[in-house]
Amino acid sequence: MTGRSRHLAAALTTLAIAGSAAAVWGIAIERKLFTVRHVSLPVLPSDADWIRVLHISDLHMAPWQSQKQEWMRSLRALHPDLVINTGDNLGHRDGMVGIRRALEPFAGIPGAFVHGSNDYIGPRLKNPLRYFRGPSTSQLDNETDLDTATVTGFFTDELGWSDLNNRAQALTVRGTRVELFGVDDPHIEFDRIDLVAGAVDELRAVEDTAAEVSVGVSHAPYRRILDDFVARGADVIFAGHTHGGQVRLPGFGALVTNCDIPRSKVAGTSTWNNGVRSASLNVSAGVGTSIYAPVRFACRPEVSLVTLVPTN
C-alpha cells in the first residue's frame, strides 16, 4: 500500500468512526436529553402579572416511552399558569396510554391545544431524503387511523383545556384577559382561516372586556398562517411541527423545516413580520420523534417555558 493509499484508508476509517459515533449519540443519547428552554416575551400591559406559559409540542408518544412520560409529569413543578399544546401527540395507535400518564398532572391548569397530522394518522416509514424536496405532504393521503376523539376528549373534559382547532376562546390568566385563536393542522390542509376569522370576530363582539394579549396557535408554522395571525392582531404565536430540523449541523443549522418557514426560524423565538405588524413567534423543537426515525443531532428534545412579561 502506498503512502497516499494509507492516508486515504486512514481518512475513511476516521470518517466511518465519526459517523458511527454521531449515529450512536443521536439515537441512543441526545433524543433522550430532554430540556426546558426558557424565554421571556414583553407583550403584557405595564401593570400585568407575569404569565408562565408551558409550550408542549410533538410528543409523538408511544406507550412504552416511560422516560418521556415521567419527564413530562415532572414539569408540573414549573408551576405554569397556562399550557399550550401544539399537536402531534400520538406516535402509536396505543399512544393515548402514554399521553394520559404524561399529562394528567396538568389537569385544572388553564390550557389550549390544536391538532397535528399525527393526532389523526399514525407514523409511517418514510425515506428521510424526501424531506429535502420540501414538506413531506400537503394533504392527508391516508385514512385516519388514530383515535382523535379520545385525544380531544381527554384534553377538554379531563384536563379542562380549550380546543382551538379553527376556533377562538378567551381566558383570564392571573388577572389578564387572554384571547386565543388557532387552526387545525395546515400541513394536511385542515386549517380553515375563514372559520377562525368568524370565531375571532364573534368573540370580540361578545366580550365585555377587551383582550390584553392575543395569542395564535398552530401546529405547523406555514407562512400563510403566520401572516394571517399577525394581521389578525396576534402578539405571540406558538407552533411546533418542525422538530427544530431534528438533525442540525454545527455552524449551519437545520437541514430541513418540513414546511415553508425559513431555516433560521425553525426553532426558538423570533419575530414574524407582515407589513407594518409583527408578532413574537415561538417554534418548539418538540419532545419526540417518529418511532421510525428515532434520532436527534444537535437538536435536543424540548419544551418551552415562555414567560409573558409587561412591555416595560
C-alpha atoms as a PDB file:
ATOM      1  CA  MET A   1       0.000   0.000   0.000  1.00  0.00           C
ATOM      2  CA  THR A   2       1.385   3.377  -0.998  1.00  0.00           C
ATOM      3  CA  GLY A   3       1.599   6.320   1.386  1.00  0.00           C
ATOM      4  CA  ARG A   4      -1.293   8.007  -0.398  1.00  0.00           C
ATOM      5  CA  SER A   5      -3.423   4.892  -0.091  1.00  0.00           C
ATOM      6  CA  ARG A   6      -2.643   4.600   3.609  1.00  0.00           C
ATOM      7  CA  HIS A   7      -3.690   8.223   4.181  1.00  0.00           C
ATOM      8  CA  LEU A   8      -6.920   7.673   2.263  1.00  0.00           C
ATOM      9  CA  ALA A   9      -7.685   4.497   4.204  1.00  0.00           C
ATOM     10  CA  ALA A  10      -6.998   6.270   7.495  1.00  0.00           C
ATOM     11  CA  ALA A  11      -9.262   9.162   6.499  1.00  0.00           C
ATOM     12  CA  LEU A  12     -12.081   6.816   5.521  1.00  0.00           C
ATOM     13  CA  THR A  13     -11.695   4.880   8.756  1.00  0.00           C
ATOM     14  CA  THR A  14     -11.799   8.085  10.789  1.00  0.00           C
ATOM     15  CA  LEU A  15     -14.883   9.232   8.883  1.00  0.00           C
ATOM     16  CA  ALA A  16     -16.615   5.899   9.487  1.00  0.00           C
ATOM     17  CA  ILE A  17     -15.830   6.011  13.208  1.00  0.00           C
ATOM     18  CA  ALA A  18     -17.055   9.598  13.478  1.00  0.00           C
ATOM     19  CA  GLY A  19     -20.242   8.750  11.606  1.00  0.00           C
ATOM     20  CA  SER A  20     -20.901   5.748  13.814  1.00  0.00           C
ATOM     21  CA  ALA A  21     -20.291   7.792  16.958  1.00  0.00           C
ATOM     22  CA  ALA A  22     -22.664  10.506  15.734  1.00  0.00           C
ATOM     23  CA  ALA A  23     -25.331   7.911  14.994  1.00  0.00           C
ATOM     24  CA  VAL A  24     -24.998   6.339  18.434  1.00  0.00           C
ATOM     25  CA  TRP A  25     -25.163   9.781  20.058  1.00  0.00           C
ATOM     26  CA  GLY A  26     -28.223  10.821  18.080  1.00  0.00           C
ATOM     27  CA  ILE A  27     -30.149   7.572  18.502  1.00  0.00           C
ATOM     28  CA  ALA A  28     -29.195   6.392  21.975  1.00  0.00           C
ATOM     29  CA  ILE A  29     -28.362   9.585  23.856  1.00  0.00           C
ATOM     30  CA  GLU A  30     -29.398  13.002  22.535  1.00  0.00           C
ATOM     31  CA  ARG A  31     -33.018  12.182  21.758  1.00  0.00           C
ATOM     32  CA  LYS A  32     -33.469  11.416  25.462  1.00  0.00           C
ATOM     33  CA  LEU A  33     -31.736  14.572  26.742  1.00  0.00           C
ATOM     34  CA  PHE A  34     -34.984  16.382  27.488  1.00  0.00           C
ATOM     35  CA  THR A  35     -34.580  20.063  28.260  1.00  0.00           C
ATOM     36  CA  VAL A  36     -36.612  23.139  29.156  1.00  0.00           C
ATOM     37  CA  ARG A  37     -35.930  26.235  27.066  1.00  0.00           C
ATOM     38  CA  HIS A  38     -36.647  29.443  28.989  1.00  0.00           C
ATOM     39  CA  VAL A  39     -37.588  32.685  27.262  1.00  0.00           C
ATOM     40  CA  SER A  40     -39.326  35.932  28.226  1.00  0.00           C
ATOM     41  CA  LEU A  41     -41.521  37.965  25.887  1.00  0.00           C
ATOM     42  CA  PRO A  42     -42.553  41.565  26.735  1.00  0.00           C
ATOM     43  CA  VAL A  43     -46.147  41.602  25.474  1.00  0.00           C
ATOM     44  CA  LEU A  44     -48.319  42.327  28.534  1.00  0.00           C
ATOM     45  CA  PRO A  45     -49.713  45.629  29.814  1.00  0.00           C
ATOM     46  CA  SER A  46     -47.454  47.513  32.190  1.00  0.00           C
ATOM     47  CA  ASP A  47     -49.492  46.613  35.278  1.00  0.00           C
ATOM     48  CA  ALA A  48     -49.996  42.911  34.469  1.00  0.00           C
ATOM     49  CA  ASP A  49     -48.608  39.973  36.410  1.00  0.00           C
ATOM     50  CA  TRP A  50     -46.200  37.661  34.624  1.00  0.00           C
ATOM     51  CA  ILE A  51     -47.757  34.642  32.902  1.00  0.00           C
ATOM     52  CA  ARG A  52     -45.720  31.424  32.649  1.00  0.00           C
ATOM     53  CA  VAL A  53     -46.713  29.528  29.501  1.00  0.00           C
ATOM     54  CA  LEU A  54     -45.610  25.911  29.145  1.00  0.00           C
ATOM     55  CA  HIS A  55     -45.419  25.177  25.420  1.00  0.00           C
ATOM     56  CA  ILE A  56     -45.606  21.455  24.636  1.00  0.00           C
ATOM     57  CA  SER A  57     -45.332  20.050  21.130  1.00  0.00           C
ATOM     58  CA  ASP A  58     -44.706  16.895  19.131  1.00  0.00           C
ATOM     59  CA  LEU A  59     -44.754  14.328  21.906  1.00  0.00           C
ATOM     60  CA  HIS A  60     -45.189  11.514  19.338  1.00  0.00           C
ATOM     61  CA  MET A  61     -45.984   9.280  22.284  1.00  0.00           C
ATOM     62  CA  ALA A  62     -45.726   5.507  22.235  1.00  0.00           C
ATOM     63  CA  PRO A  63     -46.992   3.523  25.244  1.00  0.00           C
ATOM     64  CA  TRP A  64     -43.569   2.129  26.186  1.00  0.00           C
ATOM     65  CA  GLN A  65     -41.821   5.535  26.385  1.00  0.00           C
ATOM     66  CA  SER A  66     -41.862   5.733  30.171  1.00  0.00           C
ATOM     67  CA  GLN A  67     -38.816   8.018  30.472  1.00  0.00           C
ATOM     68  CA  LYS A  68     -40.521  10.652  28.332  1.00  0.00           C
ATOM     69  CA  GLN A  69     -43.752  10.270  30.281  1.00  0.00           C
ATOM     70  CA  GLU A  70     -42.094  10.689  33.667  1.00  0.00           C
ATOM     71  CA  TRP A  71     -40.146  13.727  32.483  1.00  0.00           C
ATOM     72  CA  MET A  72     -43.338  15.353  31.252  1.00  0.00           C
ATOM     73  CA  ARG A  73     -45.002  14.683  34.600  1.00  0.00           C
ATOM     74  CA  SER A  74     -42.097  16.355  36.382  1.00  0.00           C
ATOM     75  CA  LEU A  75     -42.784  19.625  34.543  1.00  0.00           C
ATOM     76  CA  ARG A  76     -45.747  20.250  36.805  1.00  0.00           C
ATOM     77  CA  ALA A  77     -43.115  21.558  39.244  1.00  0.00           C
ATOM     78  CA  LEU A  78     -42.568  24.527  36.911  1.00  0.00           C
ATOM     79  CA  HIS A  79     -45.984  25.810  38.049  1.00  0.00           C
ATOM     80  CA  PRO A  80     -47.178  27.018  34.648  1.00  0.00           C
ATOM     81  CA  ASP A  81     -50.094  29.434  34.539  1.00  0.00           C
ATOM     82  CA  LEU A  82     -51.112  28.349  31.039  1.00  0.00           C
ATOM     83  CA  VAL A  83     -50.334  25.293  28.900  1.00  0.00           C
ATOM     84  CA  ILE A  84     -50.223  25.471  25.097  1.00  0.00           C
ATOM     85  CA  ASN A  85     -50.085  22.149  23.223  1.00  0.00           C
ATOM     86  CA  THR A  86     -49.350  22.446  19.506  1.00  0.00           C
ATOM     87  CA  GLY A  87     -50.139  18.894  18.465  1.00  0.00           C
ATOM     88  CA  ASP A  88     -48.675  15.644  17.162  1.00  0.00           C
ATOM     89  CA  ASN A  89     -49.316  13.982  20.498  1.00  0.00           C
ATOM     90  CA  LEU A  90     -49.590  10.406  19.256  1.00  0.00           C
ATOM     91  CA  GLY A  91     -46.767   8.295  17.895  1.00  0.00           C
ATOM     92  CA  HIS A  92     -48.523   4.926  18.043  1.00  0.00           C
ATOM     93  CA  ARG A  93     -52.048   3.514  17.893  1.00  0.00           C
ATOM     94  CA  ASP A  94     -51.873   2.970  21.659  1.00  0.00           C
ATOM     95  CA  GLY A  95     -50.099   6.245  22.380  1.00  0.00           C
ATOM     96  CA  MET A  96     -53.054   7.583  24.373  1.00  0.00           C
ATOM     97  CA  VAL A  97     -51.938   5.424  27.295  1.00  0.00           C
ATOM     98  CA  GLY A  98     -48.701   7.389  27.486  1.00  0.00           C
ATOM     99  CA  ILE A  99     -50.411  10.735  26.886  1.00  0.00           C
ATOM    100  CA  ARG A 100     -52.666  10.199  29.895  1.00  0.00           C
ATOM    101  CA  ARG A 101     -49.708   9.257  32.037  1.00  0.00           C
ATOM    102  CA  ALA A 102     -47.634  12.219  30.851  1.00  0.00           C
ATOM    103  CA  LEU A 103     -50.214  14.995  31.031  1.00  0.00           C
ATOM    104  CA  GLU A 104     -52.647  14.106  33.817  1.00  0.00           C
ATOM    105  CA  PRO A 105     -50.707  16.250  36.361  1.00  0.00           C
ATOM    106  CA  PHE A 106     -51.746  19.338  34.366  1.00  0.00           C
ATOM    107  CA  ALA A 107     -55.462  18.843  34.954  1.00  0.00           C
ATOM    108  CA  GLY A 108     -57.041  22.062  36.146  1.00  0.00           C
ATOM    109  CA  ILE A 109     -54.317  24.340  34.769  1.00  0.00           C
ATOM    110  CA  PRO A 110     -55.733  26.592  32.022  1.00  0.00           C
ATOM    111  CA  GLY A 111     -54.675  25.315  28.637  1.00  0.00           C
ATOM    112  CA  ALA A 112     -55.376  25.244  24.917  1.00  0.00           C
ATOM    113  CA  PHE A 113     -54.485  22.899  22.071  1.00  0.00           C
ATOM    114  CA  VAL A 114     -54.554  22.275  18.349  1.00  0.00           C
ATOM    115  CA  HIS A 115     -54.022  19.020  16.496  1.00  0.00           C
ATOM    116  CA  GLY A 116     -51.223  17.930  14.191  1.00  0.00           C
ATOM    117  CA  SER A 117     -51.368  15.277  11.493  1.00  0.00           C
ATOM    118  CA  ASN A 118     -50.133  12.677  13.978  1.00  0.00           C
ATOM    119  CA  ASP A 119     -53.258  13.179  16.021  1.00  0.00           C
ATOM    120  CA  TYR A 120     -55.145  11.768  13.022  1.00  0.00           C
ATOM    121  CA  ILE A 121     -52.827   9.265  11.355  1.00  0.00           C
ATOM    122  CA  GLY A 122     -50.112   7.086  12.817  1.00  0.00           C
ATOM    123  CA  PRO A 123     -46.448   7.222  11.829  1.00  0.00           C
ATOM    124  CA  ARG A 124     -45.336   5.745   8.523  1.00  0.00           C
ATOM    125  CA  LEU A 125     -41.933   4.508   7.417  1.00  0.00           C
ATOM    126  CA  LYS A 126     -40.619   7.168   5.019  1.00  0.00           C
ATOM    127  CA  ASN A 127     -37.451   7.827   3.076  1.00  0.00           C
ATOM    128  CA  PRO A 128     -35.795  10.674   5.024  1.00  0.00           C
ATOM    129  CA  LEU A 129     -34.356  12.103   1.800  1.00  0.00           C
ATOM    130  CA  ARG A 130     -37.867  13.087   0.698  1.00  0.00           C
ATOM    131  CA  TYR A 131     -37.770  15.970   3.186  1.00  0.00           C
ATOM    132  CA  PHE A 132     -35.102  17.657   1.067  1.00  0.00           C
ATOM    133  CA  ARG A 133     -37.698  18.001  -1.705  1.00  0.00           C
ATOM    134  CA  GLY A 134     -39.931  20.121   0.526  1.00  0.00           C
ATOM    135  CA  PRO A 135     -42.729  19.459   3.038  1.00  0.00           C
ATOM    136  CA  SER A 136     -43.481  15.758   3.410  1.00  0.00           C
ATOM    137  CA  THR A 137     -47.096  16.107   2.268  1.00  0.00           C
ATOM    138  CA  SER A 138     -49.589  18.841   1.548  1.00  0.00           C
ATOM    139  CA  GLN A 139     -52.739  16.878   2.220  1.00  0.00           C
ATOM    140  CA  LEU A 140     -53.987  13.894   4.174  1.00  0.00           C
ATOM    141  CA  ASP A 141     -53.222  10.939   1.923  1.00  0.00           C
ATOM    142  CA  ASN A 142     -54.070   8.182   4.388  1.00  0.00           C
ATOM    143  CA  GLU A 143     -57.257   7.197   6.152  1.00  0.00           C
ATOM    144  CA  THR A 144     -57.319   8.463   9.715  1.00  0.00           C
ATOM    145  CA  ASP A 145     -56.357   5.581  11.967  1.00  0.00           C
ATOM    146  CA  LEU A 146     -55.827   7.231  15.354  1.00  0.00           C
ATOM    147  CA  ASP A 147     -58.485   7.918  17.966  1.00  0.00           C
ATOM    148  CA  THR A 148     -58.558  11.688  17.610  1.00  0.00           C
ATOM    149  CA  ALA A 149     -61.843  11.945  19.501  1.00  0.00           C
ATOM    150  CA  THR A 150     -60.284  10.383  22.597  1.00  0.00           C
ATOM    151  CA  VAL A 151     -57.350  12.810  22.461  1.00  0.00           C
ATOM    152  CA  THR A 152     -59.729  15.750  22.152  1.00  0.00           C
ATOM    153  CA  GLY A 153     -61.978  14.466  24.926  1.00  0.00           C
ATOM    154  CA  PHE A 154     -59.070  13.942  27.296  1.00  0.00           C
ATOM    155  CA  PHE A 155     -57.820  17.471  26.745  1.00  0.00           C
ATOM    156  CA  THR A 156     -61.206  19.173  27.018  1.00  0.00           C
ATOM    157  CA  ASP A 157     -63.096  17.042  29.547  1.00  0.00           C
ATOM    158  CA  GLU A 158     -60.337  15.765  31.830  1.00  0.00           C
ATOM    159  CA  LEU A 159     -57.679  18.473  31.627  1.00  0.00           C
ATOM    160  CA  GLY A 160     -60.086  21.355  31.046  1.00  0.00           C
ATOM    161  CA  TRP A 161     -58.220  22.757  28.039  1.00  0.00           C
ATOM    162  CA  SER A 162     -59.740  24.811  25.200  1.00  0.00           C
ATOM    163  CA  ASP A 163     -59.975  23.314  21.706  1.00  0.00           C
ATOM    164  CA  LEU A 164     -58.553  25.884  19.257  1.00  0.00           C
ATOM    165  CA  ASN A 165     -58.856  23.819  16.074  1.00  0.00           C
ATOM    166  CA  ASN A 166     -60.254  26.548  13.795  1.00  0.00           C
ATOM    167  CA  ARG A 167     -61.712  28.169  16.895  1.00  0.00           C
ATOM    168  CA  ALA A 168     -61.208  31.070  19.292  1.00  0.00           C
ATOM    169  CA  GLN A 169     -61.513  31.347  23.063  1.00  0.00           C
ATOM    170  CA  ALA A 170     -60.824  33.911  25.784  1.00  0.00           C
ATOM    171  CA  LEU A 171     -59.370  33.061  29.192  1.00  0.00           C
ATOM    172  CA  THR A 172     -58.442  35.097  32.223  1.00  0.00           C
ATOM    173  CA  VAL A 173     -54.978  34.110  33.436  1.00  0.00           C
ATOM    174  CA  ARG A 174     -53.525  35.785  36.525  1.00  0.00           C
ATOM    175  CA  GLY A 175     -55.889  38.697  36.043  1.00  0.00           C
ATOM    176  CA  THR A 176     -55.053  39.231  32.363  1.00  0.00           C
ATOM    177  CA  ARG A 177     -57.639  38.659  29.650  1.00  0.00           C
ATOM    178  CA  VAL A 178     -56.003  36.404  27.059  1.00  0.00           C
ATOM    179  CA  GLU A 179     -57.512  35.967  23.604  1.00  0.00           C
ATOM    180  CA  LEU A 180     -56.529  32.703  21.903  1.00  0.00           C
ATOM    181  CA  PHE A 181     -57.252  31.519  18.380  1.00  0.00           C
ATOM    182  CA  GLY A 182     -55.893  28.641  16.361  1.00  0.00           C
ATOM    183  CA  VAL A 183     -56.121  26.419  13.313  1.00  0.00           C
ATOM    184  CA  ASP A 184     -56.259  22.705  12.711  1.00  0.00           C
ATOM    185  CA  ASP A 185     -53.098  21.385  11.074  1.00  0.00           C
ATOM    186  CA  PRO A 186     -52.082  23.409   7.986  1.00  0.00           C
ATOM    187  CA  HIS A 187     -49.649  20.660   6.982  1.00  0.00           C
ATOM    188  CA  ILE A 188     -52.564  18.480   5.906  1.00  0.00           C
ATOM    189  CA  GLU A 189     -54.699  21.443   4.863  1.00  0.00           C
ATOM    190  CA  PHE A 190     -57.132  21.119   7.756  1.00  0.00           C
ATOM    191  CA  ASP A 191     -56.811  24.822   8.526  1.00  0.00           C
ATOM    192  CA  ARG A 192     -59.904  26.952   7.956  1.00  0.00           C
ATOM    193  CA  ILE A 193     -58.922  30.587   8.227  1.00  0.00           C
ATOM    194  CA  ASP A 194     -62.477  31.575   7.329  1.00  0.00           C
ATOM    195  CA  LEU A 195     -63.785  29.818  10.435  1.00  0.00           C
ATOM    196  CA  VAL A 196     -61.090  31.395  12.591  1.00  0.00           C
ATOM    197  CA  ALA A 197     -61.966  34.845  11.273  1.00  0.00           C
ATOM    198  CA  GLY A 198     -65.612  34.341  12.163  1.00  0.00           C
ATOM    199  CA  ALA A 199     -64.785  32.912  15.581  1.00  0.00           C
ATOM    200  CA  VAL A 200     -62.477  35.807  16.446  1.00  0.00           C
ATOM    201  CA  ASP A 201     -64.987  38.395  15.255  1.00  0.00           C
ATOM    202  CA  GLU A 202     -67.736  36.754  17.294  1.00  0.00           C
ATOM    203  CA  LEU A 203     -65.511  36.516  20.353  1.00  0.00           C
ATOM    204  CA  ARG A 204     -64.565  40.177  20.161  1.00  0.00           C
ATOM    205  CA  ALA A 205     -68.191  41.180  19.662  1.00  0.00           C
ATOM    206  CA  VAL A 206     -69.474  39.434  22.797  1.00  0.00           C
ATOM    207  CA  GLU A 207     -66.540  40.063  25.128  1.00  0.00           C
ATOM    208  CA  ASP A 208     -67.307  42.722  27.713  1.00  0.00           C
ATOM    209  CA  THR A 209     -63.615  43.313  28.351  1.00  0.00           C
ATOM    210  CA  ALA A 210     -61.120  43.697  25.518  1.00  0.00           C
ATOM    211  CA  ALA A 211     -58.298  41.166  25.494  1.00  0.00           C
ATOM    212  CA  GLU A 212     -54.998  42.462  26.821  1.00  0.00           C
ATOM    213  CA  VAL A 213     -52.892  39.980  24.871  1.00  0.00           C
ATOM    214  CA  SER A 214     -53.699  37.951  21.758  1.00  0.00           C
ATOM    215  CA  VAL A 215     -52.215  34.500  21.116  1.00  0.00           C
ATOM    216  CA  GLY A 216     -52.232  32.498  17.867  1.00  0.00           C
ATOM    217  CA  VAL A 217     -51.721  28.718  17.916  1.00  0.00           C
ATOM    218  CA  SER A 218     -50.886  26.374  15.028  1.00  0.00           C
ATOM    219  CA  HIS A 219     -49.200  23.010  14.706  1.00  0.00           C
ATOM    220  CA  ALA A 220     -47.257  23.743  11.519  1.00  0.00           C
ATOM    221  CA  PRO A 221     -45.855  27.275  11.077  1.00  0.00           C
ATOM    222  CA  TYR A 222     -46.709  27.821   7.430  1.00  0.00           C
ATOM    223  CA  ARG A 223     -46.222  31.365   6.168  1.00  0.00           C
ATOM    224  CA  ARG A 224     -49.874  31.814   5.204  1.00  0.00           C
ATOM    225  CA  ILE A 225     -50.928  31.025   8.776  1.00  0.00           C
ATOM    226  CA  LEU A 226     -48.321  33.235  10.403  1.00  0.00           C
ATOM    227  CA  ASP A 227     -49.207  36.122   8.095  1.00  0.00           C
ATOM    228  CA  ASP A 228     -52.895  35.768   8.896  1.00  0.00           C
ATOM    229  CA  PHE A 229     -52.291  35.550  12.641  1.00  0.00           C
ATOM    230  CA  VAL A 230     -50.193  38.714  12.582  1.00  0.00           C
ATOM    231  CA  ALA A 231     -52.804  40.538  10.512  1.00  0.00           C
ATOM    232  CA  ARG A 232     -55.466  39.349  12.966  1.00  0.00           C
ATOM    233  CA  GLY A 233     -53.599  41.025  15.808  1.00  0.00           C
ATOM    234  CA  ALA A 234     -51.638  38.215  17.449  1.00  0.00           C
ATOM    235  CA  ASP A 235     -48.980  39.379  19.890  1.00  0.00           C
ATOM    236  CA  VAL A 236     -47.498  35.890  20.288  1.00  0.00           C
ATOM    237  CA  ILE A 237     -47.685  32.815  18.046  1.00  0.00           C
ATOM    238  CA  PHE A 238     -46.955  29.264  19.202  1.00  0.00           C
ATOM    239  CA  ALA A 239     -46.156  26.449  16.749  1.00  0.00           C
ATOM    240  CA  GLY A 240     -44.345  23.127  16.526  1.00  0.00           C
ATOM    241  CA  HIS A 241     -44.107  20.516  13.748  1.00  0.00           C
ATOM    242  CA  THR A 242     -40.544  21.215  12.583  1.00  0.00           C
ATOM    243  CA  HIS A 243     -38.751  19.239  15.327  1.00  0.00           C
ATOM    244  CA  GLY A 244     -36.215  22.049  15.050  1.00  0.00           C
ATOM    245  CA  GLY A 245     -34.955  20.274  11.959  1.00  0.00           C
ATOM    246  CA  GLN A 246     -34.293  17.185  14.144  1.00  0.00           C
ATOM    247  CA  VAL A 247     -30.812  16.846  12.650  1.00  0.00           C
ATOM    248  CA  ARG A 248     -28.722  20.022  12.660  1.00  0.00           C
ATOM    249  CA  LEU A 249     -25.163  20.659  11.566  1.00  0.00           C
ATOM    250  CA  PRO A 250     -22.974  22.820  13.815  1.00  0.00           C
ATOM    251  CA  GLY A 251     -22.369  26.139  12.091  1.00  0.00           C
ATOM    252  CA  PHE A 252     -25.121  25.503   9.543  1.00  0.00           C
ATOM    253  CA  GLY A 253     -28.250  24.662  11.496  1.00  0.00           C
ATOM    254  CA  ALA A 254     -31.286  22.710  10.382  1.00  0.00           C
ATOM    255  CA  LEU A 255     -31.118  20.870   7.083  1.00  0.00           C
ATOM    256  CA  VAL A 256     -34.895  20.867   6.582  1.00  0.00           C
ATOM    257  CA  THR A 257     -38.008  22.504   8.059  1.00  0.00           C
ATOM    258  CA  ASN A 258     -40.804  20.277   6.655  1.00  0.00           C
ATOM    259  CA  CYS A 259     -42.798  23.428   5.837  1.00  0.00           C
ATOM    260  CA  ASP A 260     -42.160  26.751   4.106  1.00  0.00           C
ATOM    261  CA  ILE A 261     -40.726  28.618   7.090  1.00  0.00           C
ATOM    262  CA  PRO A 262     -37.116  29.858   6.742  1.00  0.00           C
ATOM    263  CA  ARG A 263     -34.489  27.596   8.289  1.00  0.00           C
ATOM    264  CA  SER A 264     -33.453  30.441  10.579  1.00  0.00           C
ATOM    265  CA  LYS A 265     -36.859  30.287  12.281  1.00  0.00           C
ATOM    266  CA  VAL A 266     -37.160  26.508  12.505  1.00  0.00           C
ATOM    267  CA  ALA A 267     -36.863  26.523  16.314  1.00  0.00           C
ATOM    268  CA  GLY A 268     -36.746  29.005  19.133  1.00  0.00           C
ATOM    269  CA  THR A 269     -38.108  32.521  19.442  1.00  0.00           C
ATOM    270  CA  SER A 270     -38.033  35.066  16.638  1.00  0.00           C
ATOM    271  CA  THR A 271     -40.160  37.849  15.188  1.00  0.00           C
ATOM    272  CA  TRP A 272     -42.598  37.294  12.328  1.00  0.00           C
ATOM    273  CA  ASN A 273     -43.383  40.381  10.268  1.00  0.00           C
ATOM    274  CA  ASN A 274     -46.336  41.002   7.996  1.00  0.00           C
ATOM    275  CA  GLY A 275     -46.421  44.513   6.618  1.00  0.00           C
ATOM    276  CA  VAL A 276     -46.269  47.019   9.442  1.00  0.00           C
ATOM    277  CA  ARG A 277     -47.347  44.475  12.041  1.00  0.00           C
ATOM    278  CA  SER A 278     -45.276  41.820  13.792  1.00  0.00           C
ATOM    279  CA  ALA A 279     -45.609  39.136  16.444  1.00  0.00           C
ATOM    280  CA  SER A 280     -43.268  37.092  18.586  1.00  0.00           C
ATOM    281  CA  LEU A 281     -43.014  33.557  17.209  1.00  0.00           C
ATOM    282  CA  ASN A 282     -42.087  30.572  19.362  1.00  0.00           C
ATOM    283  CA  VAL A 283     -41.451  27.376  17.399  1.00  0.00           C
ATOM    284  CA  SER A 284     -40.843  24.354  19.597  1.00  0.00           C
ATOM    285  CA  ALA A 285     -38.270  21.761  18.575  1.00  0.00           C
ATOM    286  CA  GLY A 286     -40.621  19.248  20.169  1.00  0.00           C
ATOM    287  CA  VAL A 287     -40.229  16.428  22.624  1.00  0.00           C
ATOM    288  CA  GLY A 288     -40.450  13.322  20.473  1.00  0.00           C
ATOM    289  CA  THR A 289     -39.691  11.843  17.080  1.00  0.00           C
ATOM    290  CA  SER A 290     -41.363   9.320  14.845  1.00  0.00           C
ATOM    291  CA  ILE A 291     -40.755   5.765  16.045  1.00  0.00           C
ATOM    292  CA  TYR A 292     -39.378   5.162  12.532  1.00  0.00           C
ATOM    293  CA  ALA A 293     -36.830   7.990  12.811  1.00  0.00           C
ATOM    294  CA  PRO A 294     -35.652   7.895  16.446  1.00  0.00           C
ATOM    295  CA  VAL A 295     -32.726  10.271  16.150  1.00  0.00           C
ATOM    296  CA  ARG A 296     -31.791  13.843  17.054  1.00  0.00           C
ATOM    297  CA  PHE A 297     -28.466  15.505  16.448  1.00  0.00           C
ATOM    298  CA  ALA A 298     -27.521  18.973  17.737  1.00  0.00           C
ATOM    299  CA  CYS A 299     -31.230  19.440  18.387  1.00  0.00           C
ATOM    300  CA  ARG A 300     -32.291  18.338  21.846  1.00  0.00           C
ATOM    301  CA  PRO A 301     -35.898  17.463  22.652  1.00  0.00           C
ATOM    302  CA  GLU A 302     -37.553  20.328  24.475  1.00  0.00           C
ATOM    303  CA  VAL A 303     -40.496  22.107  25.927  1.00  0.00           C
ATOM    304  CA  SER A 304     -40.536  25.894  26.249  1.00  0.00           C
ATOM    305  CA  LEU A 305     -41.341  27.868  29.364  1.00  0.00           C
ATOM    306  CA  VAL A 306     -42.316  31.196  27.837  1.00  0.00           C
ATOM    307  CA  THR A 307     -42.827  33.916  30.419  1.00  0.00           C
ATOM    308  CA  LEU A 308     -45.038  36.729  29.193  1.00  0.00           C
ATOM    309  CA  VAL A 309     -43.977  39.933  30.927  1.00  0.00           C
ATOM    310  CA  PRO A 310     -45.026  43.608  30.768  1.00  0.00           C
ATOM    311  CA  THR A 311     -43.684  45.630  27.877  1.00  0.00           C
ATOM    312  CA  ASN A 312     -41.880  47.946  30.271  1.00  0.00           C
END
